[in-house]
Amino acid sequence: MINSCRSFLLGFADFYRFPERLLSWGGPFNGQVGRQKLYQALITKIATVAIIETGTYRGTTTEFMAGTGLPIYSVEGLARNYGFARARLWRKRNVHLYQGDSREVLRKLFAGKLRPLRGRMVFAYLDAHWNADLPLREELEIIFDHCPAAVVMIDDFQVPNDPGYQYDDYGPGKSLSPPYIEPIVSAYELEAYYPSIRSSEETGAKRGCVVLGSREIHGKLLCAVPLLRQHCKEAHITTNEVIK
């Protein structure tokens, strides 16, 4: 507890000592303008009532998302990052920050504050993956168990047929790629969508992402977003047609 408190205070001080850290990863959504536009299109298209985020880090993307005025529930695992984000976002009354394991916090939130959101249009941005303990699959199960109408964006995910997008790979069975989420996609009858903008045209860190939504609830809505392309279409792209 003492070490956690100290880390929080150090992080809080870091906000004032190191202003250059305000633009972590080049800005919101890794400095990717295409991703920022995709986020804004999704928020509008699905009539979002609340935003869930795992992996606050230093709050760069959180602050950007807060501009919608929607309530945001964001979770950060590391106390020092949490301290930095608290200092940064304390004036944003629509942002609710939590520190801890993303799975535990999500379970508590859905049992409490987020309980009324079942069946509502919620946007979730998942970015809490960074080490061997990969919480992503459990995060997805918790979200779709409690909120079947959620639309989820996963950061650092492999984009099929566009190797210019970078993604996380933590070893066997822990690569953020289509096979990893296939059991979830199948169990909850979801569709997977990828950015239609080519990595060569994207800015910033060029990290990949995938968007998941219920086939029944969001199928027509997400298909109508020009910045997305459906995963099922990838099966018809041959090796010779791989995006350069």
C-alpha atoms as a PDB file:
ATOM      1  CA  MET A   1       0.000   0.000   0.000  1.00  0.00           C
ATOM      2  CA  ILE A   2       2.841   2.420   0.889  1.00  0.00           C
ATOM      3  CA  ASN A   3       4.670   1.683  -2.370  1.00  0.00           C
ATOM      4  CA  SER A   4       1.454   2.134  -4.335  1.00  0.00           C
ATOM      5  CA  CYS A   5       0.784   5.469  -2.624  1.00  0.00           C
ATOM      6  CA  ARG A   6       4.333   6.621  -3.341  1.00  0.00           C
ATOM      7  CA  SER A   7       4.032   5.599  -6.994  1.00  0.00           C
ATOM      8  CA  PHE A   8       0.744   7.484  -7.280  1.00  0.00           C
ATOM      9  CA  LEU A   9       2.322  10.655  -5.849  1.00  0.00           C
ATOM     10  CA  LEU A  10       5.329  10.311  -8.161  1.00  0.00           C
ATOM     11  CA  GLY A  11       3.005   9.982 -11.122  1.00  0.00           C
ATOM     12  CA  PHE A  12       0.991  12.994  -9.994  1.00  0.00           C
ATOM     13  CA  ALA A  13       4.235  15.009  -9.784  1.00  0.00           C
ATOM     14  CA  ASP A  14       5.397  13.690 -13.163  1.00  0.00           C
ATOM     15  CA  PHE A  15       2.485  15.494 -14.804  1.00  0.00           C
ATOM     16  CA  TYR A  16       3.928  18.843 -13.740  1.00  0.00           C
ATOM     17  CA  ARG A  17       7.613  17.913 -14.022  1.00  0.00           C
ATOM     18  CA  PHE A  18       7.534  16.363 -17.486  1.00  0.00           C
ATOM     19  CA  PRO A  19       5.039  18.205 -19.736  1.00  0.00           C
ATOM     20  CA  GLU A  20       6.515  16.461 -22.779  1.00  0.00           C
ATOM     21  CA  ARG A  21       4.824  13.261 -21.580  1.00  0.00           C
ATOM     22  CA  LEU A  22       1.426  14.754 -22.310  1.00  0.00           C
ATOM     23  CA  LEU A  23       1.696  13.452 -25.874  1.00  0.00           C
ATOM     24  CA  SER A  24       2.497   9.818 -25.096  1.00  0.00           C
ATOM     25  CA  TRP A  25       2.738   7.700 -28.242  1.00  0.00           C
ATOM     26  CA  GLY A  26       2.476  10.838 -30.388  1.00  0.00           C
ATOM     27  CA  GLY A  27      -0.991  11.883 -29.252  1.00  0.00           C
ATOM     28  CA  PRO A  28      -4.489  10.369 -28.935  1.00  0.00           C
ATOM     29  CA  PHE A  29      -4.869   6.866 -30.393  1.00  0.00           C
ATOM     30  CA  ASN A  30      -1.090   6.630 -30.932  1.00  0.00           C
ATOM     31  CA  GLY A  31      -1.081   9.837 -32.941  1.00  0.00           C
ATOM     32  CA  GLN A  32      -3.082   8.138 -35.700  1.00  0.00           C
ATOM     33  CA  VAL A  33      -5.397  10.609 -37.424  1.00  0.00           C
ATOM     34  CA  GLY A  34      -7.206   7.826 -39.274  1.00  0.00           C
ATOM     35  CA  ARG A  35      -7.940   6.054 -35.978  1.00  0.00           C
ATOM     36  CA  GLN A  36      -9.172   9.283 -34.411  1.00  0.00           C
ATOM     37  CA  LYS A  37     -11.616   9.740 -37.287  1.00  0.00           C
ATOM     38  CA  LEU A  38     -12.716   6.119 -36.992  1.00  0.00           C
ATOM     39  CA  TYR A  39     -13.414   6.570 -33.270  1.00  0.00           C
ATOM     40  CA  GLN A  40     -15.473   9.701 -33.917  1.00  0.00           C
ATOM     41  CA  ALA A  41     -17.449   7.951 -36.666  1.00  0.00           C
ATOM     42  CA  LEU A  42     -18.226   5.013 -34.369  1.00  0.00           C
ATOM     43  CA  ILE A  43     -19.329   7.196 -31.465  1.00  0.00           C
ATOM     44  CA  THR A  44     -21.787   8.976 -33.755  1.00  0.00           C
ATOM     45  CA  LYS A  45     -22.970   5.901 -35.655  1.00  0.00           C
ATOM     46  CA  ILE A  46     -23.851   3.743 -32.651  1.00  0.00           C
ATOM     47  CA  ALA A  47     -25.378   6.536 -30.535  1.00  0.00           C
ATOM     48  CA  THR A  48     -23.020   5.803 -27.640  1.00  0.00           C
ATOM     49  CA  VAL A  49     -24.223   6.453 -24.088  1.00  0.00           C
ATOM     50  CA  ALA A  50     -20.945   5.717 -22.260  1.00  0.00           C
ATOM     51  CA  ILE A  51     -17.289   4.845 -22.885  1.00  0.00           C
ATOM     52  CA  ILE A  52     -15.225   2.167 -21.159  1.00  0.00           C
ATOM     53  CA  GLU A  53     -11.427   2.173 -21.406  1.00  0.00           C
ATOM     54  CA  THR A  54      -8.842  -0.272 -20.087  1.00  0.00           C
ATOM     55  CA  GLY A  55      -5.241   0.890 -20.086  1.00  0.00           C
ATOM     56  CA  THR A  56      -5.526   4.608 -19.305  1.00  0.00           C
ATOM     57  CA  TYR A  57      -1.716   4.971 -19.344  1.00  0.00           C
ATOM     58  CA  ARG A  58      -1.130   8.743 -19.078  1.00  0.00           C
ATOM     59  CA  GLY A  59      -4.614   9.723 -20.201  1.00  0.00           C
ATOM     60  CA  THR A  60      -3.784  11.066 -23.669  1.00  0.00           C
ATOM     61  CA  THR A  61      -6.520   9.125 -25.451  1.00  0.00           C
ATOM     62  CA  THR A  62      -8.826   9.402 -22.427  1.00  0.00           C
ATOM     63  CA  GLU A  63      -8.646  13.188 -22.611  1.00  0.00           C
ATOM     64  CA  PHE A  64      -9.422  13.086 -26.329  1.00  0.00           C
ATOM     65  CA  MET A  65     -12.444  10.828 -25.794  1.00  0.00           C
ATOM     66  CA  ALA A  66     -13.645  13.054 -22.943  1.00  0.00           C
ATOM     67  CA  GLY A  67     -14.322  15.758 -25.517  1.00  0.00           C
ATOM     68  CA  THR A  68     -17.580  13.987 -26.377  1.00  0.00           C
ATOM     69  CA  GLY A  69     -18.969  14.859 -22.943  1.00  0.00           C
ATOM     70  CA  LEU A  70     -19.980  11.205 -22.481  1.00  0.00           C
ATOM     71  CA  PRO A  71     -19.282   9.475 -19.163  1.00  0.00           C
ATOM     72  CA  ILE A  72     -15.957   7.628 -19.360  1.00  0.00           C
ATOM     73  CA  TYR A  73     -14.914   4.780 -17.051  1.00  0.00           C
ATOM     74  CA  SER A  74     -11.187   4.195 -17.431  1.00  0.00           C
ATOM     75  CA  VAL A  75      -8.945   1.650 -15.676  1.00  0.00           C
ATOM     76  CA  GLU A  76      -5.163   1.774 -15.246  1.00  0.00           C
ATOM     77  CA  GLY A  77      -3.107  -1.003 -13.686  1.00  0.00           C
ATOM     78  CA  LEU A  78       0.049   0.915 -12.688  1.00  0.00           C
ATOM     79  CA  ALA A  79      -0.164   3.373  -9.806  1.00  0.00           C
ATOM     80  CA  ARG A  80       2.367   5.805 -11.286  1.00  0.00           C
ATOM     81  CA  ASN A  81       0.503   6.073 -14.592  1.00  0.00           C
ATOM     82  CA  TYR A  82      -2.740   6.384 -12.653  1.00  0.00           C
ATOM     83  CA  GLY A  83      -1.273   9.311 -10.686  1.00  0.00           C
ATOM     84  CA  PHE A  84      -0.249  11.075 -13.889  1.00  0.00           C
ATOM     85  CA  ALA A  85      -3.703  10.555 -15.407  1.00  0.00           C
ATOM     86  CA  ARG A  86      -5.432  11.800 -12.242  1.00  0.00           C
ATOM     87  CA  ALA A  87      -3.424  15.030 -12.337  1.00  0.00           C
ATOM     88  CA  ARG A  88      -4.210  15.455 -16.004  1.00  0.00           C
ATOM     89  CA  LEU A  89      -7.925  14.698 -15.918  1.00  0.00           C
ATOM     90  CA  TRP A  90      -9.127  15.914 -12.529  1.00  0.00           C
ATOM     91  CA  ARG A  91     -11.091  18.763 -14.127  1.00  0.00           C
ATOM     92  CA  LYS A  92     -12.875  16.422 -16.541  1.00  0.00           C
ATOM     93  CA  ARG A  93     -16.027  15.737 -14.546  1.00  0.00           C
ATOM     94  CA  ASN A  94     -17.238  13.135 -17.011  1.00  0.00           C
ATOM     95  CA  VAL A  95     -14.105  10.995 -16.534  1.00  0.00           C
ATOM     96  CA  HIS A  96     -14.066   8.363 -13.786  1.00  0.00           C
ATOM     97  CA  LEU A  97     -10.631   6.832 -13.201  1.00  0.00           C
ATOM     98  CA  TYR A  98      -9.888   3.553 -11.413  1.00  0.00           C
ATOM     99  CA  GLN A  99      -6.615   1.874 -10.518  1.00  0.00           C
ATOM    100  CA  GLY A 100      -6.288  -1.910 -10.450  1.00  0.00           C
ATOM    101  CA  ASP A 101      -6.579  -5.072 -12.494  1.00  0.00           C
ATOM    102  CA  SER A 102      -8.862  -4.292 -15.436  1.00  0.00           C
ATOM    103  CA  ARG A 103     -10.837  -7.532 -15.041  1.00  0.00           C
ATOM    104  CA  GLU A 104     -11.567  -6.987 -11.370  1.00  0.00           C
ATOM    105  CA  VAL A 105     -12.528  -3.355 -11.882  1.00  0.00           C
ATOM    106  CA  LEU A 106     -14.808  -4.177 -14.826  1.00  0.00           C
ATOM    107  CA  ARG A 107     -16.624  -6.834 -12.801  1.00  0.00           C
ATOM    108  CA  LYS A 108     -17.187  -4.368  -9.953  1.00  0.00           C
ATOM    109  CA  LEU A 109     -18.360  -1.643 -12.315  1.00  0.00           C
ATOM    110  CA  PHE A 110     -20.881  -3.892 -14.064  1.00  0.00           C
ATOM    111  CA  ALA A 111     -22.149  -5.043 -10.689  1.00  0.00           C
ATOM    112  CA  GLY A 112     -22.581  -1.404  -9.650  1.00  0.00           C
ATOM    113  CA  LYS A 113     -22.392   1.842 -11.631  1.00  0.00           C
ATOM    114  CA  LEU A 114     -22.568   0.242 -15.074  1.00  0.00           C
ATOM    115  CA  ARG A 115     -25.356  -2.194 -14.256  1.00  0.00           C
ATOM    116  CA  PRO A 116     -28.065   0.014 -15.864  1.00  0.00           C
ATOM    117  CA  LEU A 117     -26.165  -0.024 -19.179  1.00  0.00           C
ATOM    118  CA  ARG A 118     -27.102  -3.575 -20.136  1.00  0.00           C
ATOM    119  CA  GLY A 119     -28.665  -3.403 -23.574  1.00  0.00           C
ATOM    120  CA  ARG A 120     -27.403   0.153 -24.154  1.00  0.00           C
ATOM    121  CA  MET A 121     -24.914   1.279 -26.800  1.00  0.00           C
ATOM    122  CA  VAL A 122     -21.534   1.355 -25.041  1.00  0.00           C
ATOM    123  CA  PHE A 123     -18.157   1.916 -26.701  1.00  0.00           C
ATOM    124  CA  ALA A 124     -15.170   0.114 -25.139  1.00  0.00           C
ATOM    125  CA  TYR A 125     -11.521   0.831 -25.960  1.00  0.00           C
ATOM    126  CA  LEU A 126      -9.229  -1.976 -24.755  1.00  0.00           C
ATOM    127  CA  ASP A 127      -5.537  -1.174 -24.367  1.00  0.00           C
ATOM    128  CA  ALA A 128      -4.503  -2.832 -21.081  1.00  0.00           C
ATOM    129  CA  HIS A 129      -2.254  -5.446 -22.717  1.00  0.00           C
ATOM    130  CA  TRP A 130       1.449  -5.006 -22.144  1.00  0.00           C
ATOM    131  CA  ASN A 131       2.887  -8.083 -20.420  1.00  0.00           C
ATOM    132  CA  ALA A 132       2.655 -11.864 -20.074  1.00  0.00           C
ATOM    133  CA  ASP A 133      -0.600 -11.634 -18.096  1.00  0.00           C
ATOM    134  CA  LEU A 134      -2.887 -10.844 -21.017  1.00  0.00           C
ATOM    135  CA  PRO A 135      -6.352  -9.801 -19.749  1.00  0.00           C
ATOM    136  CA  LEU A 136      -7.921  -9.150 -23.153  1.00  0.00           C
ATOM    137  CA  ARG A 137     -10.024 -12.290 -23.606  1.00  0.00           C
ATOM    138  CA  GLU A 138     -11.477 -12.000 -20.096  1.00  0.00           C
ATOM    139  CA  GLU A 139     -12.173  -8.292 -20.628  1.00  0.00           C
ATOM    140  CA  LEU A 140     -14.166  -9.162 -23.750  1.00  0.00           C
ATOM    141  CA  GLU A 141     -16.131 -11.861 -21.942  1.00  0.00           C
ATOM    142  CA  ILE A 142     -16.997  -9.511 -19.076  1.00  0.00           C
ATOM    143  CA  ILE A 143     -18.090  -6.711 -21.430  1.00  0.00           C
ATOM    144  CA  PHE A 144     -20.217  -8.838 -23.769  1.00  0.00           C
ATOM    145  CA  ASP A 145     -21.704 -10.851 -20.894  1.00  0.00           C
ATOM    146  CA  HIS A 146     -22.985  -7.669 -19.279  1.00  0.00           C
ATOM    147  CA  CYS A 147     -23.463  -5.463 -22.322  1.00  0.00           C
ATOM    148  CA  PRO A 148     -24.319  -7.407 -25.506  1.00  0.00           C
ATOM    149  CA  ALA A 149     -24.858  -4.153 -27.416  1.00  0.00           C
ATOM    150  CA  ALA A 150     -21.300  -2.942 -26.803  1.00  0.00           C
ATOM    151  CA  VAL A 151     -18.962  -2.039 -29.649  1.00  0.00           C
ATOM    152  CA  VAL A 152     -15.334  -2.767 -28.776  1.00  0.00           C
ATOM    153  CA  MET A 153     -12.131  -1.430 -30.303  1.00  0.00           C
ATOM    154  CA  ILE A 154      -8.917  -3.310 -29.465  1.00  0.00           C
ATOM    155  CA  ASP A 155      -5.611  -1.458 -29.863  1.00  0.00           C
ATOM    156  CA  ASP A 156      -2.324  -3.058 -30.995  1.00  0.00           C
ATOM    157  CA  PHE A 157      -4.158  -5.691 -33.049  1.00  0.00           C
ATOM    158  CA  GLN A 158      -3.027  -7.347 -36.247  1.00  0.00           C
ATOM    159  CA  VAL A 159      -4.713  -6.058 -39.401  1.00  0.00           C
ATOM    160  CA  PRO A 160      -4.944  -8.912 -41.925  1.00  0.00           C
ATOM    161  CA  ASN A 161      -3.345  -8.203 -45.305  1.00  0.00           C
ATOM    162  CA  ASP A 162      -1.685  -4.992 -44.159  1.00  0.00           C
ATOM    163  CA  PRO A 163       1.668  -5.778 -42.474  1.00  0.00           C
ATOM    164  CA  GLY A 164       2.418  -2.071 -42.162  1.00  0.00           C
ATOM    165  CA  TYR A 165       0.219  -1.995 -39.063  1.00  0.00           C
ATOM    166  CA  GLN A 166       2.125  -3.111 -35.970  1.00  0.00           C
ATOM    167  CA  TYR A 167       0.619  -5.367 -33.298  1.00  0.00           C
ATOM    168  CA  ASP A 168       1.502  -7.018 -29.981  1.00  0.00           C
ATOM    169  CA  ASP A 169       2.738 -10.600 -29.761  1.00  0.00           C
ATOM    170  CA  TYR A 170       3.452 -12.041 -26.307  1.00  0.00           C
ATOM    171  CA  GLY A 171       4.289 -15.569 -27.430  1.00  0.00           C
ATOM    172  CA  PRO A 172       2.358 -18.755 -28.268  1.00  0.00           C
ATOM    173  CA  GLY A 173      -1.379 -18.253 -27.866  1.00  0.00           C
ATOM    174  CA  LYS A 174      -0.917 -14.598 -26.915  1.00  0.00           C
ATOM    175  CA  SER A 175      -0.591 -12.850 -30.235  1.00  0.00           C
ATOM    176  CA  LEU A 176      -3.161 -10.102 -30.762  1.00  0.00           C
ATOM    177  CA  SER A 177      -4.400 -11.555 -34.023  1.00  0.00           C
ATOM    178  CA  PRO A 178      -7.693 -13.007 -35.368  1.00  0.00           C
ATOM    179  CA  PRO A 179      -7.157 -16.543 -33.935  1.00  0.00           C
ATOM    180  CA  TYR A 180      -6.857 -15.111 -30.408  1.00  0.00           C
ATOM    181  CA  ILE A 181     -10.332 -13.556 -30.466  1.00  0.00           C
ATOM    182  CA  GLU A 182     -12.035 -16.204 -32.621  1.00  0.00           C
ATOM    183  CA  PRO A 183     -13.563 -18.068 -29.609  1.00  0.00           C
ATOM    184  CA  ILE A 184     -15.097 -14.782 -28.391  1.00  0.00           C
ATOM    185  CA  VAL A 185     -16.307 -13.793 -31.856  1.00  0.00           C
ATOM    186  CA  SER A 186     -17.989 -17.171 -32.234  1.00  0.00           C
ATOM    187  CA  ALA A 187     -19.453 -17.413 -28.718  1.00  0.00           C
ATOM    188  CA  TYR A 188     -21.064 -13.955 -28.807  1.00  0.00           C
ATOM    189  CA  GLU A 189     -21.949 -13.963 -32.524  1.00  0.00           C
ATOM    190  CA  LEU A 190     -19.786 -10.955 -33.312  1.00  0.00           C
ATOM    191  CA  GLU A 191     -18.363  -9.523 -36.498  1.00  0.00           C
ATOM    192  CA  ALA A 192     -14.774  -8.283 -36.759  1.00  0.00           C
ATOM    193  CA  TYR A 193     -13.971  -5.111 -38.684  1.00  0.00           C
ATOM    194  CA  TYR A 194     -10.610  -3.590 -39.539  1.00  0.00           C
ATOM    195  CA  PRO A 195      -9.531  -0.084 -40.585  1.00  0.00           C
ATOM    196  CA  SER A 196     -10.068   0.515 -44.289  1.00  0.00           C
ATOM    197  CA  ILE A 197      -7.343   3.168 -44.368  1.00  0.00           C
ATOM    198  CA  ARG A 198      -4.039   1.629 -45.448  1.00  0.00           C
ATOM    199  CA  SER A 199      -1.114   1.787 -43.043  1.00  0.00           C
ATOM    200  CA  SER A 200       0.842   3.715 -45.688  1.00  0.00           C
ATOM    201  CA  GLU A 201      -1.766   6.470 -45.412  1.00  0.00           C
ATOM    202  CA  GLU A 202      -2.019   6.468 -41.606  1.00  0.00           C
ATOM    203  CA  THR A 203      -0.032   8.780 -39.330  1.00  0.00           C
ATOM    204  CA  GLY A 204       1.627   8.275 -35.938  1.00  0.00           C
ATOM    205  CA  ALA A 205       2.715   4.912 -34.580  1.00  0.00           C
ATOM    206  CA  LYS A 206       0.685   2.904 -37.126  1.00  0.00           C
ATOM    207  CA  ARG A 207      -0.659   0.427 -34.581  1.00  0.00           C
ATOM    208  CA  GLY A 208      -3.363  -1.913 -35.822  1.00  0.00           C
ATOM    209  CA  CYS A 209      -6.830  -2.309 -34.350  1.00  0.00           C
ATOM    210  CA  VAL A 210      -9.986  -4.377 -34.669  1.00  0.00           C
ATOM    211  CA  VAL A 211     -13.587  -3.366 -33.979  1.00  0.00           C
ATOM    212  CA  LEU A 212     -16.038  -5.969 -32.661  1.00  0.00           C
ATOM    213  CA  GLY A 213     -19.806  -5.691 -32.599  1.00  0.00           C
ATOM    214  CA  SER A 214     -22.867  -7.908 -32.463  1.00  0.00           C
ATOM    215  CA  ARG A 215     -23.793  -9.283 -35.879  1.00  0.00           C
ATOM    216  CA  GLU A 216     -27.497  -8.873 -35.100  1.00  0.00           C
ATOM    217  CA  ILE A 217     -27.414  -5.494 -33.355  1.00  0.00           C
ATOM    218  CA  HIS A 218     -24.646  -3.630 -35.176  1.00  0.00           C
ATOM    219  CA  GLY A 219     -24.125  -5.495 -38.433  1.00  0.00           C
ATOM    220  CA  LYS A 220     -25.787  -2.964 -40.741  1.00  0.00           C
ATOM    221  CA  LEU A 221     -24.505   0.041 -38.786  1.00  0.00           C
ATOM    222  CA  LEU A 222     -20.843  -0.986 -38.833  1.00  0.00           C
ATOM    223  CA  CYS A 223     -20.965  -2.118 -42.456  1.00  0.00           C
ATOM    224  CA  ALA A 224     -22.029   1.429 -43.305  1.00  0.00           C
ATOM    225  CA  VAL A 225     -18.904   3.006 -41.769  1.00  0.00           C
ATOM    226  CA  PRO A 226     -16.539   3.771 -44.688  1.00  0.00           C
ATOM    227  CA  LEU A 227     -13.486   3.684 -42.401  1.00  0.00           C
ATOM    228  CA  LEU A 228     -14.112  -0.011 -41.644  1.00  0.00           C
ATOM    229  CA  ARG A 229     -13.880  -3.201 -43.696  1.00  0.00           C
ATOM    230  CA  GLN A 230     -15.313  -6.555 -42.677  1.00  0.00           C
ATOM    231  CA  HIS A 231     -13.068  -9.443 -41.747  1.00  0.00           C
ATOM    232  CA  CYS A 232     -15.077 -11.887 -43.868  1.00  0.00           C
ATOM    233  CA  LYS A 233     -13.927 -10.096 -46.985  1.00  0.00           C
ATOM    234  CA  GLU A 234     -10.331 -11.044 -46.249  1.00  0.00           C
ATOM    235  CA  ALA A 235     -10.989 -14.623 -47.342  1.00  0.00           C
ATOM    236  CA  HIS A 236     -11.380 -13.375 -50.913  1.00  0.00           C
ATOM    237  CA  ILE A 237      -8.063 -11.538 -51.006  1.00  0.00           C
ATOM    238  CA  THR A 238      -5.252 -13.582 -52.497  1.00  0.00           C
ATOM    239  CA  THR A 239      -1.595 -13.461 -51.559  1.00  0.00           C
ATOM    240  CA  ASN A 240      -0.881 -11.322 -54.600  1.00  0.00           C
ATOM    241  CA  GLU A 241      -3.366  -8.720 -53.405  1.00  0.00           C
ATOM    242  CA  VAL A 242      -1.735  -8.088 -50.010  1.00  0.00           C
ATOM    243  CA  ILE A 243      -1.630  -4.388 -49.271  1.00  0.00           C
ATOM    244  CA  LYS A 244       1.858  -2.990 -49.673  1.00  0.00           C
END
